[in-house]
């Protein structure tokens, strides 16, 4: 009997501008049958080229607060004047199908999920230096100077919580970083503690053999 191994929940966080979104897109492109990307809900406005239901589910503040009230979010947090949250239904469906579900959320939400689901894998993505981070934020040209200042201030605060993560990955060369993240996830999936149901099923089959069945 083929046993469908439940997928694992992965949270990727990092400073704004560290390249989290690009890394996840590359993972999905390289390994489309293995990973599923959880689409977050947010109250922020779409950036140029973004579409509702693809990058985010764009919600009004009232719609978002309603989702909180109904328990439709695994986690939610406020970040730079906007709300972000993870819809529950999509995540649970993909995990049950054996998909590894990746969430891109900030540190507050990541730690909230870790409390609710202790076996969640937490990865923190960082640029090679603070100057590189400032340059990336400036060069992408999507935000004004005051918003960039807020993001850099937030990064300074987030740096104090990195030790709560399981792995720290520096995004210097994109291709190398993507493969490093993929390897970490695969190694994590091989942990005995994540395969107890699979192990018990094999034990049961072997016991049948020993009984001559």
N, C-alpha and C. Protein backbone atom coordinates (compact mmCIF):
# COMPACT_ATOMS: atom_id res chain seq x y z
N UNK A 1 0.84 -1.19 0.00
CA UNK A 1 0.00 0.00 0.00
C UNK A 1 0.88 1.25 0.00
N UNK A 2 0.61 2.16 -0.92
CA UNK A 2 1.39 3.39 -1.00
C UNK A 2 0.92 4.36 0.08
N UNK A 3 1.90 4.90 0.81
CA UNK A 3 1.59 5.81 1.90
C UNK A 3 1.91 7.23 1.48
N UNK A 4 0.92 8.11 1.54
CA UNK A 4 1.15 9.51 1.21
C UNK A 4 1.69 10.21 2.45
N UNK A 5 2.93 10.65 2.37
CA UNK A 5 3.56 11.34 3.50
C UNK A 5 3.08 12.78 3.52
N UNK A 6 2.62 13.21 4.67
CA UNK A 6 2.13 14.57 4.83
C UNK A 6 3.27 15.56 4.55
N UNK A 7 2.94 16.64 3.87
CA UNK A 7 3.93 17.67 3.61
C UNK A 7 4.32 18.40 4.88
N UNK A 8 5.36 19.21 4.78
CA UNK A 8 5.77 19.99 5.93
C UNK A 8 5.51 21.47 5.67
N UNK A 9 5.32 22.18 6.74
CA UNK A 9 5.05 23.62 6.68
C UNK A 9 6.38 24.37 6.83
N UNK A 10 6.64 25.26 5.89
CA UNK A 10 7.90 25.99 5.85
C UNK A 10 7.61 27.49 5.86
N UNK A 11 8.23 28.20 6.76
CA UNK A 11 8.09 29.66 6.79
C UNK A 11 9.42 30.27 6.37
N UNK A 12 9.36 31.11 5.32
CA UNK A 12 10.53 31.85 4.89
C UNK A 12 10.31 33.32 5.25
N UNK A 13 11.19 33.84 6.07
CA UNK A 13 11.14 35.25 6.46
C UNK A 13 12.46 35.91 6.07
N UNK A 14 12.52 37.18 6.30
CA UNK A 14 13.75 37.91 6.00
C UNK A 14 13.45 39.39 5.87
N UNK A 15 14.51 40.15 5.84
CA UNK A 15 14.35 41.59 5.68
C UNK A 15 13.66 41.90 4.35
N UNK A 16 12.84 42.93 4.35
CA UNK A 16 12.24 43.37 3.09
C UNK A 16 13.35 43.78 2.13
N UNK A 17 13.37 43.15 0.95
CA UNK A 17 14.43 43.41 -0.01
C UNK A 17 15.49 42.32 -0.03
N UNK A 18 15.33 41.29 0.81
CA UNK A 18 16.33 40.22 0.87
C UNK A 18 16.18 39.22 -0.28
N UNK A 19 15.06 39.27 -0.98
CA UNK A 19 14.86 38.36 -2.12
C UNK A 19 14.02 37.14 -1.82
N UNK A 20 13.23 37.19 -0.76
CA UNK A 20 12.41 36.03 -0.37
C UNK A 20 11.48 35.60 -1.49
N UNK A 21 10.76 36.57 -2.07
CA UNK A 21 9.80 36.24 -3.12
C UNK A 21 10.45 35.62 -4.33
N UNK A 22 11.60 36.13 -4.71
CA UNK A 22 12.32 35.58 -5.87
C UNK A 22 12.78 34.15 -5.61
N UNK A 23 13.26 33.90 -4.42
CA UNK A 23 13.71 32.56 -4.05
C UNK A 23 12.56 31.56 -4.14
N UNK A 24 11.41 31.95 -3.63
CA UNK A 24 10.26 31.04 -3.67
C UNK A 24 9.77 30.79 -5.08
N UNK A 25 9.78 31.82 -5.91
CA UNK A 25 9.37 31.63 -7.30
C UNK A 25 10.30 30.66 -8.02
N UNK A 26 11.60 30.74 -7.73
CA UNK A 26 12.56 29.83 -8.34
C UNK A 26 12.37 28.40 -7.84
N UNK A 27 12.07 28.24 -6.55
CA UNK A 27 11.79 26.90 -6.01
C UNK A 27 10.58 26.27 -6.71
N UNK A 28 9.54 27.07 -6.89
CA UNK A 28 8.33 26.56 -7.55
C UNK A 28 8.59 26.24 -9.01
N UNK A 29 9.45 27.01 -9.65
CA UNK A 29 9.78 26.75 -11.05
C UNK A 29 10.61 25.48 -11.20
N UNK A 30 11.58 25.30 -10.30
CA UNK A 30 12.47 24.14 -10.39
C UNK A 30 11.82 22.85 -9.89
N UNK A 31 10.94 22.96 -8.91
CA UNK A 31 10.34 21.77 -8.29
C UNK A 31 8.82 21.95 -8.17
N UNK A 32 8.12 22.05 -9.30
CA UNK A 32 6.69 22.41 -9.28
C UNK A 32 5.79 21.37 -8.64
N UNK A 33 6.18 20.10 -8.63
CA UNK A 33 5.31 19.07 -8.05
C UNK A 33 5.52 18.90 -6.55
N UNK A 34 6.55 19.51 -6.03
CA UNK A 34 6.90 19.30 -4.62
C UNK A 34 6.40 20.41 -3.71
N UNK A 35 6.46 21.63 -4.20
CA UNK A 35 6.15 22.77 -3.34
C UNK A 35 4.82 23.43 -3.71
N UNK A 36 4.19 24.00 -2.70
CA UNK A 36 3.03 24.86 -2.90
C UNK A 36 3.26 26.14 -2.13
N UNK A 37 2.99 27.25 -2.75
CA UNK A 37 3.19 28.54 -2.11
C UNK A 37 1.88 29.03 -1.55
N UNK A 38 1.87 29.28 -0.25
CA UNK A 38 0.67 29.83 0.37
C UNK A 38 0.57 31.31 0.01
N UNK A 39 -0.59 31.70 -0.50
CA UNK A 39 -0.82 33.09 -0.87
C UNK A 39 -1.40 33.83 0.33
N UNK A 40 -0.72 34.85 0.76
CA UNK A 40 -1.16 35.61 1.93
C UNK A 40 -2.24 36.61 1.57
N UNK A 41 -3.04 36.96 2.56
CA UNK A 41 -3.97 38.08 2.44
C UNK A 41 -3.29 39.32 3.00
N UNK A 42 -3.57 40.47 2.41
CA UNK A 42 -2.96 41.71 2.88
C UNK A 42 -3.87 42.90 2.61
N UNK A 43 -3.68 43.93 3.42
CA UNK A 43 -4.43 45.17 3.20
C UNK A 43 -3.61 46.19 2.43
N UNK A 44 -2.37 45.87 2.07
CA UNK A 44 -1.58 46.84 1.31
C UNK A 44 -2.04 46.88 -0.14
N UNK A 45 -1.73 47.97 -0.82
CA UNK A 45 -2.12 48.13 -2.22
C UNK A 45 -1.23 47.29 -3.14
N UNK A 46 -1.76 46.81 -4.25
CA UNK A 46 -0.94 46.04 -5.19
C UNK A 46 0.18 46.90 -5.78
N UNK A 47 1.36 46.29 -5.97
CA UNK A 47 2.45 46.95 -6.69
C UNK A 47 2.25 46.72 -8.18
N UNK A 48 2.92 47.49 -9.00
CA UNK A 48 2.79 47.31 -10.46
C UNK A 48 3.06 45.87 -10.87
N UNK A 49 2.13 45.29 -11.64
CA UNK A 49 2.29 43.91 -12.12
C UNK A 49 1.70 42.86 -11.22
N UNK A 50 1.33 43.20 -9.99
CA UNK A 50 0.75 42.21 -9.08
C UNK A 50 -0.74 42.03 -9.37
N UNK A 51 -1.21 40.80 -9.16
CA UNK A 51 -2.61 40.48 -9.39
C UNK A 51 -3.23 39.85 -8.15
N UNK A 52 -4.48 40.19 -7.91
CA UNK A 52 -5.20 39.59 -6.80
C UNK A 52 -5.34 38.08 -6.99
N UNK A 53 -4.96 37.30 -5.96
CA UNK A 53 -5.04 35.85 -6.04
C UNK A 53 -3.78 35.21 -6.58
N UNK A 54 -2.82 36.01 -7.03
CA UNK A 54 -1.55 35.45 -7.51
C UNK A 54 -0.44 35.77 -6.50
N UNK A 55 -0.09 37.05 -6.36
CA UNK A 55 0.91 37.41 -5.36
C UNK A 55 0.30 37.46 -3.95
N UNK A 56 -0.88 38.08 -3.87
CA UNK A 56 -1.60 38.21 -2.60
C UNK A 56 -3.10 38.19 -2.87
N UNK A 57 -3.87 37.96 -1.80
CA UNK A 57 -5.28 38.27 -1.81
C UNK A 57 -5.41 39.67 -1.21
N UNK A 58 -5.70 40.64 -2.04
CA UNK A 58 -5.75 42.02 -1.57
C UNK A 58 -7.13 42.30 -0.95
N UNK A 59 -7.12 42.72 0.32
CA UNK A 59 -8.34 42.91 1.09
C UNK A 59 -8.41 44.33 1.64
N UNK A 60 -9.64 44.78 1.87
CA UNK A 60 -9.81 46.01 2.63
C UNK A 60 -9.57 45.69 4.10
N UNK A 61 -9.40 46.71 4.90
CA UNK A 61 -9.19 46.49 6.33
C UNK A 61 -10.38 45.78 6.95
N UNK A 62 -11.60 46.17 6.57
CA UNK A 62 -12.80 45.52 7.11
C UNK A 62 -12.87 44.05 6.72
N UNK A 63 -12.53 43.74 5.47
CA UNK A 63 -12.53 42.34 5.02
C UNK A 63 -11.51 41.53 5.81
N UNK A 64 -10.35 42.11 6.05
CA UNK A 64 -9.30 41.40 6.77
C UNK A 64 -9.73 41.14 8.22
N UNK A 65 -10.29 42.15 8.86
CA UNK A 65 -10.74 41.98 10.24
C UNK A 65 -11.83 40.93 10.34
N UNK A 66 -12.66 40.82 9.32
CA UNK A 66 -13.68 39.78 9.29
C UNK A 66 -13.06 38.39 9.23
N UNK A 67 -12.00 38.24 8.43
CA UNK A 67 -11.29 36.96 8.35
C UNK A 67 -10.71 36.56 9.70
N UNK A 68 -10.18 37.53 10.43
CA UNK A 68 -9.66 37.26 11.77
C UNK A 68 -10.79 36.76 12.68
N UNK A 69 -11.90 37.47 12.64
CA UNK A 69 -13.04 37.14 13.50
C UNK A 69 -13.59 35.73 13.22
N UNK A 70 -13.59 35.33 11.95
CA UNK A 70 -14.13 34.02 11.56
C UNK A 70 -13.14 32.88 11.74
N UNK A 71 -11.90 33.19 12.11
CA UNK A 71 -10.88 32.15 12.28
C UNK A 71 -10.35 31.60 10.98
N UNK A 72 -10.42 32.41 9.92
CA UNK A 72 -9.99 31.95 8.59
C UNK A 72 -8.50 32.11 8.35
N UNK A 73 -7.76 32.61 9.34
CA UNK A 73 -6.32 32.83 9.18
C UNK A 73 -5.54 32.00 10.20
N UNK A 74 -4.45 31.39 9.74
CA UNK A 74 -3.55 30.67 10.64
C UNK A 74 -2.82 31.65 11.53
N UNK A 75 -2.43 32.76 10.94
CA UNK A 75 -1.73 33.81 11.68
C UNK A 75 -2.02 35.13 10.99
N UNK A 76 -1.78 36.21 11.72
CA UNK A 76 -1.87 37.53 11.11
C UNK A 76 -0.99 38.49 11.91
N UNK A 77 -0.56 39.54 11.24
CA UNK A 77 0.30 40.52 11.89
C UNK A 77 0.21 41.84 11.14
N UNK A 78 0.62 42.90 11.82
CA UNK A 78 0.67 44.22 11.21
C UNK A 78 2.12 44.57 10.91
N UNK A 79 2.37 45.06 9.70
CA UNK A 79 3.73 45.36 9.27
C UNK A 79 3.71 46.61 8.40
N UNK A 80 4.45 47.64 8.82
CA UNK A 80 4.54 48.90 8.09
C UNK A 80 3.15 49.39 7.66
N UNK A 81 2.28 49.57 8.63
CA UNK A 81 0.95 50.17 8.44
C UNK A 81 -0.05 49.30 7.69
N UNK A 82 0.26 48.04 7.44
CA UNK A 82 -0.67 47.15 6.76
C UNK A 82 -0.77 45.81 7.49
N UNK A 83 -1.87 45.10 7.24
CA UNK A 83 -2.08 43.78 7.81
C UNK A 83 -1.72 42.69 6.79
N UNK A 84 -1.17 41.59 7.32
CA UNK A 84 -0.86 40.41 6.51
C UNK A 84 -1.33 39.18 7.27
N UNK A 85 -1.79 38.15 6.54
CA UNK A 85 -2.24 36.94 7.20
C UNK A 85 -2.23 35.74 6.26
N UNK A 86 -2.26 34.55 6.85
CA UNK A 86 -2.18 33.30 6.10
C UNK A 86 -3.52 32.56 6.12
N UNK A 87 -4.21 32.43 4.98
CA UNK A 87 -5.48 31.69 4.93
C UNK A 87 -5.29 30.22 5.31
N UNK A 88 -6.18 29.72 6.16
CA UNK A 88 -6.04 28.38 6.74
C UNK A 88 -6.35 27.25 5.75
N UNK A 89 -7.44 27.37 5.01
CA UNK A 89 -7.96 26.26 4.20
C UNK A 89 -6.94 25.77 3.17
N UNK A 90 -6.33 26.69 2.45
CA UNK A 90 -5.38 26.31 1.39
C UNK A 90 -4.21 25.52 1.97
N UNK A 91 -3.67 26.00 3.08
CA UNK A 91 -2.51 25.35 3.69
C UNK A 91 -2.83 23.92 4.10
N UNK A 92 -3.93 23.73 4.78
CA UNK A 92 -4.29 22.39 5.28
C UNK A 92 -4.54 21.41 4.14
N UNK A 93 -5.18 21.88 3.07
CA UNK A 93 -5.45 21.01 1.92
C UNK A 93 -4.16 20.53 1.27
N UNK A 94 -3.21 21.43 1.04
CA UNK A 94 -1.96 21.07 0.36
C UNK A 94 -1.10 20.15 1.21
N UNK A 95 -1.03 20.39 2.51
CA UNK A 95 -0.25 19.53 3.39
C UNK A 95 -0.78 18.10 3.37
N UNK A 96 -2.10 17.95 3.37
CA UNK A 96 -2.70 16.61 3.38
C UNK A 96 -2.42 15.85 2.09
N UNK A 97 -2.15 16.58 1.00
CA UNK A 97 -1.84 15.96 -0.29
C UNK A 97 -0.35 15.65 -0.43
N UNK A 98 0.44 15.94 0.60
CA UNK A 98 1.86 15.65 0.56
C UNK A 98 2.73 16.78 0.04
N UNK A 99 2.13 17.93 -0.23
CA UNK A 99 2.90 19.08 -0.71
C UNK A 99 3.59 19.77 0.46
N UNK A 100 4.79 20.26 0.22
CA UNK A 100 5.48 21.09 1.20
C UNK A 100 5.03 22.53 0.96
N UNK A 101 4.39 23.12 1.96
CA UNK A 101 3.79 24.44 1.80
C UNK A 101 4.72 25.51 2.35
N UNK A 102 5.04 26.48 1.48
CA UNK A 102 5.94 27.57 1.85
C UNK A 102 5.12 28.83 2.13
N UNK A 103 5.39 29.44 3.26
CA UNK A 103 4.76 30.70 3.64
C UNK A 103 5.83 31.78 3.67
N UNK A 104 5.56 32.90 3.04
CA UNK A 104 6.44 34.06 3.14
C UNK A 104 5.78 35.05 4.10
N UNK A 105 6.25 35.08 5.33
CA UNK A 105 5.67 36.00 6.31
C UNK A 105 6.77 36.58 7.18
N UNK A 106 6.44 37.70 7.83
CA UNK A 106 7.45 38.38 8.65
C UNK A 106 7.58 37.68 10.00
N UNK A 107 8.52 38.16 10.80
CA UNK A 107 8.97 37.43 11.98
C UNK A 107 7.88 37.25 13.02
N UNK A 108 7.04 38.25 13.22
CA UNK A 108 5.98 38.15 14.22
C UNK A 108 5.02 37.01 13.89
N UNK A 109 4.61 36.93 12.62
CA UNK A 109 3.73 35.86 12.20
C UNK A 109 4.39 34.51 12.22
N UNK A 110 5.68 34.47 11.87
CA UNK A 110 6.43 33.21 11.87
C UNK A 110 6.47 32.59 13.27
N UNK A 111 6.72 33.42 14.26
CA UNK A 111 6.80 32.90 15.64
C UNK A 111 5.42 32.50 16.15
N UNK A 112 4.39 33.17 15.67
CA UNK A 112 3.01 32.79 16.03
C UNK A 112 2.69 31.41 15.49
N UNK A 113 3.09 31.15 14.23
CA UNK A 113 2.86 29.84 13.64
C UNK A 113 3.66 28.75 14.35
N UNK A 114 4.90 29.07 14.71
CA UNK A 114 5.76 28.10 15.40
C UNK A 114 5.14 27.66 16.73
N UNK A 115 4.47 28.58 17.41
CA UNK A 115 3.81 28.23 18.67
C UNK A 115 2.64 27.29 18.42
N UNK A 116 1.88 27.55 17.37
CA UNK A 116 0.71 26.72 17.07
C UNK A 116 1.10 25.39 16.45
N UNK A 117 2.14 25.40 15.60
CA UNK A 117 2.59 24.19 14.89
C UNK A 117 4.11 24.05 15.10
N UNK A 118 4.52 23.41 16.22
CA UNK A 118 5.94 23.37 16.60
C UNK A 118 6.87 22.71 15.57
N UNK A 119 6.33 21.88 14.68
CA UNK A 119 7.20 21.22 13.70
C UNK A 119 7.39 22.06 12.44
N UNK A 120 6.92 23.30 12.44
CA UNK A 120 7.15 24.20 11.31
C UNK A 120 8.63 24.49 11.16
N UNK A 121 9.12 24.47 9.92
CA UNK A 121 10.52 24.78 9.63
C UNK A 121 10.63 26.28 9.35
N UNK A 122 11.48 26.97 10.12
CA UNK A 122 11.66 28.41 9.97
C UNK A 122 13.00 28.73 9.30
N UNK A 123 12.94 29.44 8.17
CA UNK A 123 14.15 29.86 7.45
C UNK A 123 14.19 31.38 7.38
N UNK A 124 15.35 31.95 7.67
CA UNK A 124 15.50 33.41 7.59
C UNK A 124 16.49 33.74 6.47
N UNK A 125 16.06 34.61 5.55
CA UNK A 125 16.87 34.99 4.40
C UNK A 125 17.45 36.39 4.64
N UNK A 126 18.74 36.53 4.38
CA UNK A 126 19.41 37.82 4.58
C UNK A 126 20.27 38.17 3.37
N UNK A 127 20.39 39.45 3.04
CA UNK A 127 21.38 39.86 2.05
C UNK A 127 22.77 39.75 2.67
N UNK A 128 23.82 39.86 1.88
CA UNK A 128 25.17 39.70 2.43
C UNK A 128 25.61 40.83 3.35
N UNK A 129 24.93 41.98 3.32
CA UNK A 129 25.31 43.10 4.19
C UNK A 129 24.14 44.07 4.31
N UNK A 130 24.23 44.96 5.30
CA UNK A 130 23.19 45.98 5.47
C UNK A 130 23.20 46.96 4.30
N UNK A 131 24.39 47.29 3.79
CA UNK A 131 24.47 48.19 2.64
C UNK A 131 23.81 47.58 1.41
N UNK A 132 23.97 46.26 1.24
CA UNK A 132 23.34 45.58 0.11
C UNK A 132 21.82 45.64 0.24
N UNK A 133 21.33 45.53 1.47
CA UNK A 133 19.89 45.62 1.70
C UNK A 133 19.36 46.99 1.31
N UNK A 134 20.04 48.04 1.76
CA UNK A 134 19.61 49.40 1.44
C UNK A 134 19.61 49.63 -0.07
N UNK A 135 20.63 49.12 -0.73
CA UNK A 135 20.74 49.29 -2.18
C UNK A 135 19.60 48.58 -2.91
N UNK A 136 19.26 47.38 -2.46
CA UNK A 136 18.19 46.63 -3.11
C UNK A 136 16.85 47.34 -2.93
N UNK A 137 16.58 47.84 -1.74
CA UNK A 137 15.33 48.55 -1.49
C UNK A 137 15.22 49.80 -2.35
N UNK A 138 16.33 50.50 -2.51
CA UNK A 138 16.34 51.73 -3.29
C UNK A 138 16.19 51.45 -4.78
N UNK A 139 16.89 50.43 -5.25
CA UNK A 139 16.95 50.16 -6.69
C UNK A 139 15.65 49.58 -7.25
N UNK A 140 14.83 48.92 -6.41
CA UNK A 140 13.62 48.34 -6.98
C UNK A 140 12.58 49.41 -7.31
N UNK A 141 12.73 50.62 -6.75
CA UNK A 141 11.96 51.77 -7.19
C UNK A 141 10.46 51.70 -7.01
N UNK A 142 10.00 50.92 -6.04
CA UNK A 142 8.55 50.77 -5.83
C UNK A 142 8.03 51.59 -4.65
N UNK A 143 8.94 52.20 -3.87
CA UNK A 143 8.51 52.89 -2.67
C UNK A 143 9.26 54.20 -2.50
N UNK A 144 8.64 55.12 -1.76
CA UNK A 144 9.29 56.41 -1.53
C UNK A 144 10.32 56.31 -0.41
N UNK A 145 11.04 57.40 -0.22
CA UNK A 145 12.15 57.42 0.73
C UNK A 145 11.69 57.11 2.16
N UNK A 146 10.53 57.66 2.55
CA UNK A 146 10.04 57.46 3.91
C UNK A 146 9.69 55.99 4.17
N UNK A 147 9.10 55.33 3.16
CA UNK A 147 8.77 53.91 3.32
C UNK A 147 10.04 53.06 3.41
N UNK A 148 11.05 53.41 2.62
CA UNK A 148 12.32 52.69 2.68
C UNK A 148 12.94 52.85 4.07
N UNK A 149 12.87 54.05 4.63
CA UNK A 149 13.39 54.28 5.98
C UNK A 149 12.67 53.41 7.00
N UNK A 150 11.35 53.27 6.85
CA UNK A 150 10.57 52.42 7.75
C UNK A 150 11.01 50.96 7.62
N UNK A 151 11.26 50.53 6.40
CA UNK A 151 11.67 49.14 6.19
C UNK A 151 13.05 48.86 6.79
N UNK A 152 13.94 49.82 6.67
CA UNK A 152 15.27 49.65 7.26
C UNK A 152 15.20 49.65 8.79
N UNK A 153 14.33 50.48 9.35
CA UNK A 153 14.13 50.49 10.79
C UNK A 153 13.54 49.16 11.25
N UNK A 154 12.58 48.65 10.49
CA UNK A 154 11.97 47.36 10.81
C UNK A 154 13.00 46.24 10.72
N UNK A 155 13.89 46.31 9.74
CA UNK A 155 14.95 45.30 9.60
C UNK A 155 15.85 45.28 10.82
N UNK A 156 16.14 46.47 11.36
CA UNK A 156 16.96 46.56 12.56
C UNK A 156 16.27 45.86 13.73
N UNK A 157 14.96 46.00 13.82
CA UNK A 157 14.20 45.33 14.89
C UNK A 157 14.15 43.83 14.66
N UNK A 158 13.95 43.41 13.40
CA UNK A 158 13.86 41.98 13.09
C UNK A 158 15.18 41.26 13.36
N UNK A 159 16.28 41.96 13.20
CA UNK A 159 17.59 41.34 13.40
C UNK A 159 17.75 40.79 14.81
N UNK A 160 16.96 41.32 15.75
CA UNK A 160 17.05 40.88 17.14
C UNK A 160 16.32 39.56 17.37
N UNK A 161 15.53 39.10 16.38
CA UNK A 161 14.77 37.87 16.56
C UNK A 161 15.22 36.72 15.69
N UNK A 162 16.33 36.89 14.97
CA UNK A 162 16.78 35.85 14.02
C UNK A 162 17.10 34.54 14.73
N UNK A 163 17.58 34.62 15.97
CA UNK A 163 17.98 33.40 16.68
C UNK A 163 16.81 32.46 16.95
N UNK A 164 15.58 32.92 16.75
CA UNK A 164 14.42 32.04 16.93
C UNK A 164 14.17 31.14 15.72
N UNK A 165 14.92 31.34 14.65
CA UNK A 165 14.74 30.55 13.43
C UNK A 165 15.61 29.29 13.45
N UNK A 166 15.25 28.34 12.59
CA UNK A 166 16.00 27.09 12.52
C UNK A 166 17.24 27.21 11.64
N UNK A 167 17.13 27.99 10.55
CA UNK A 167 18.24 28.14 9.61
C UNK A 167 18.35 29.59 9.15
N UNK A 168 19.59 29.99 8.88
CA UNK A 168 19.90 31.34 8.40
C UNK A 168 20.62 31.19 7.07
N UNK A 169 20.07 31.80 6.00
CA UNK A 169 20.61 31.63 4.66
C UNK A 169 20.91 33.01 4.07
N UNK A 170 22.12 33.19 3.56
CA UNK A 170 22.51 34.45 2.94
C UNK A 170 22.24 34.39 1.44
N UNK A 171 21.46 35.34 0.95
CA UNK A 171 21.13 35.41 -0.47
C UNK A 171 22.10 36.36 -1.16
N UNK A 172 23.21 35.80 -1.61
CA UNK A 172 24.20 36.58 -2.35
C UNK A 172 24.08 36.23 -3.83
N UNK A 173 24.28 34.94 -4.16
CA UNK A 173 24.07 34.44 -5.52
C UNK A 173 22.75 33.66 -5.53
N UNK A 174 21.79 34.11 -6.32
CA UNK A 174 20.43 33.57 -6.26
C UNK A 174 20.37 32.06 -6.48
N UNK A 175 20.99 31.57 -7.55
CA UNK A 175 20.91 30.14 -7.86
C UNK A 175 21.45 29.28 -6.73
N UNK A 176 22.57 29.71 -6.17
CA UNK A 176 23.17 28.96 -5.06
C UNK A 176 22.26 29.00 -3.83
N UNK A 177 21.65 30.14 -3.59
CA UNK A 177 20.76 30.28 -2.44
C UNK A 177 19.53 29.38 -2.59
N UNK A 178 18.96 29.32 -3.77
CA UNK A 178 17.78 28.48 -4.02
C UNK A 178 18.11 27.01 -3.74
N UNK A 179 19.25 26.55 -4.21
CA UNK A 179 19.63 25.15 -3.99
C UNK A 179 19.91 24.87 -2.53
N UNK A 180 20.47 25.86 -1.83
CA UNK A 180 20.73 25.69 -0.39
C UNK A 180 19.41 25.55 0.37
N UNK A 181 18.44 26.39 0.04
CA UNK A 181 17.13 26.31 0.69
C UNK A 181 16.47 24.96 0.39
N UNK A 182 16.53 24.52 -0.86
CA UNK A 182 15.94 23.23 -1.22
C UNK A 182 16.60 22.08 -0.45
N UNK A 183 17.91 22.12 -0.32
CA UNK A 183 18.63 21.06 0.40
C UNK A 183 18.25 21.04 1.87
N UNK A 184 18.12 22.20 2.48
CA UNK A 184 17.71 22.28 3.88
C UNK A 184 16.35 21.62 4.08
N UNK A 185 15.41 21.93 3.18
CA UNK A 185 14.07 21.38 3.30
C UNK A 185 14.08 19.87 3.14
N UNK A 186 14.84 19.37 2.16
CA UNK A 186 14.90 17.92 1.93
C UNK A 186 15.53 17.20 3.12
N UNK A 187 16.57 17.76 3.68
CA UNK A 187 17.19 17.15 4.85
C UNK A 187 16.23 17.13 6.03
N UNK A 188 15.48 18.20 6.17
CA UNK A 188 14.52 18.29 7.27
C UNK A 188 13.42 17.23 7.12
N UNK A 189 13.01 16.97 5.89
CA UNK A 189 11.96 15.98 5.66
C UNK A 189 12.40 14.57 6.02
N UNK A 190 13.71 14.34 6.06
CA UNK A 190 14.22 13.00 6.37
C UNK A 190 14.33 12.73 7.87
N UNK A 191 14.05 13.71 8.70
CA UNK A 191 14.10 13.48 10.14
C UNK A 191 13.15 12.36 10.55
N UNK A 192 13.62 11.52 11.46
CA UNK A 192 12.79 10.41 11.96
C UNK A 192 11.50 10.94 12.57
N UNK A 193 11.59 12.03 13.32
CA UNK A 193 10.41 12.59 13.99
C UNK A 193 9.32 13.02 13.02
N UNK A 194 9.68 13.30 11.76
CA UNK A 194 8.70 13.71 10.75
C UNK A 194 8.15 12.52 9.97
N UNK A 195 8.63 11.33 10.28
CA UNK A 195 8.24 10.15 9.49
C UNK A 195 7.67 9.03 10.34
N UNK A 196 7.16 9.36 11.52
CA UNK A 196 6.68 8.34 12.44
C UNK A 196 5.54 7.51 11.84
N UNK A 197 4.58 8.17 11.19
CA UNK A 197 3.46 7.42 10.60
C UNK A 197 3.94 6.46 9.53
N UNK A 198 4.87 6.93 8.71
CA UNK A 198 5.43 6.09 7.65
C UNK A 198 6.19 4.90 8.26
N UNK A 199 6.97 5.17 9.30
CA UNK A 199 7.75 4.11 9.97
C UNK A 199 6.81 3.08 10.60
N UNK A 200 5.77 3.55 11.26
CA UNK A 200 4.83 2.62 11.90
C UNK A 200 4.11 1.76 10.87
N UNK A 201 3.83 2.31 9.70
CA UNK A 201 3.17 1.53 8.65
C UNK A 201 4.09 0.42 8.16
N UNK A 202 5.38 0.74 8.00
CA UNK A 202 6.34 -0.29 7.58
C UNK A 202 6.48 -1.36 8.66
N UNK A 203 6.52 -0.95 9.91
CA UNK A 203 6.59 -1.91 11.02
C UNK A 203 5.41 -2.88 10.98
N UNK A 204 4.23 -2.33 10.70
CA UNK A 204 3.03 -3.17 10.65
C UNK A 204 3.12 -4.18 9.52
N UNK A 205 3.60 -3.74 8.35
CA UNK A 205 3.75 -4.64 7.22
C UNK A 205 4.77 -5.74 7.52
N UNK A 206 5.89 -5.34 8.15
CA UNK A 206 6.92 -6.32 8.48
C UNK A 206 6.42 -7.33 9.52
N UNK A 207 5.59 -6.86 10.44
CA UNK A 207 5.02 -7.76 11.43
C UNK A 207 4.13 -8.81 10.76
N UNK A 208 3.41 -8.37 9.73
CA UNK A 208 2.57 -9.33 8.99
C UNK A 208 3.43 -10.40 8.33
N UNK A 209 4.60 -9.98 7.78
CA UNK A 209 5.51 -10.96 7.19
C UNK A 209 5.97 -11.97 8.22
N UNK A 210 6.29 -11.49 9.41
CA UNK A 210 6.82 -12.38 10.45
C UNK A 210 5.76 -13.35 10.94
N UNK A 211 4.49 -12.96 10.78
CA UNK A 211 3.39 -13.83 11.17
C UNK A 211 2.98 -14.79 10.04
N UNK A 212 3.68 -14.65 8.89
CA UNK A 212 3.40 -15.53 7.77
C UNK A 212 2.20 -15.12 6.94
N UNK A 213 1.80 -13.85 7.06
CA UNK A 213 0.64 -13.39 6.30
C UNK A 213 1.05 -12.86 4.95
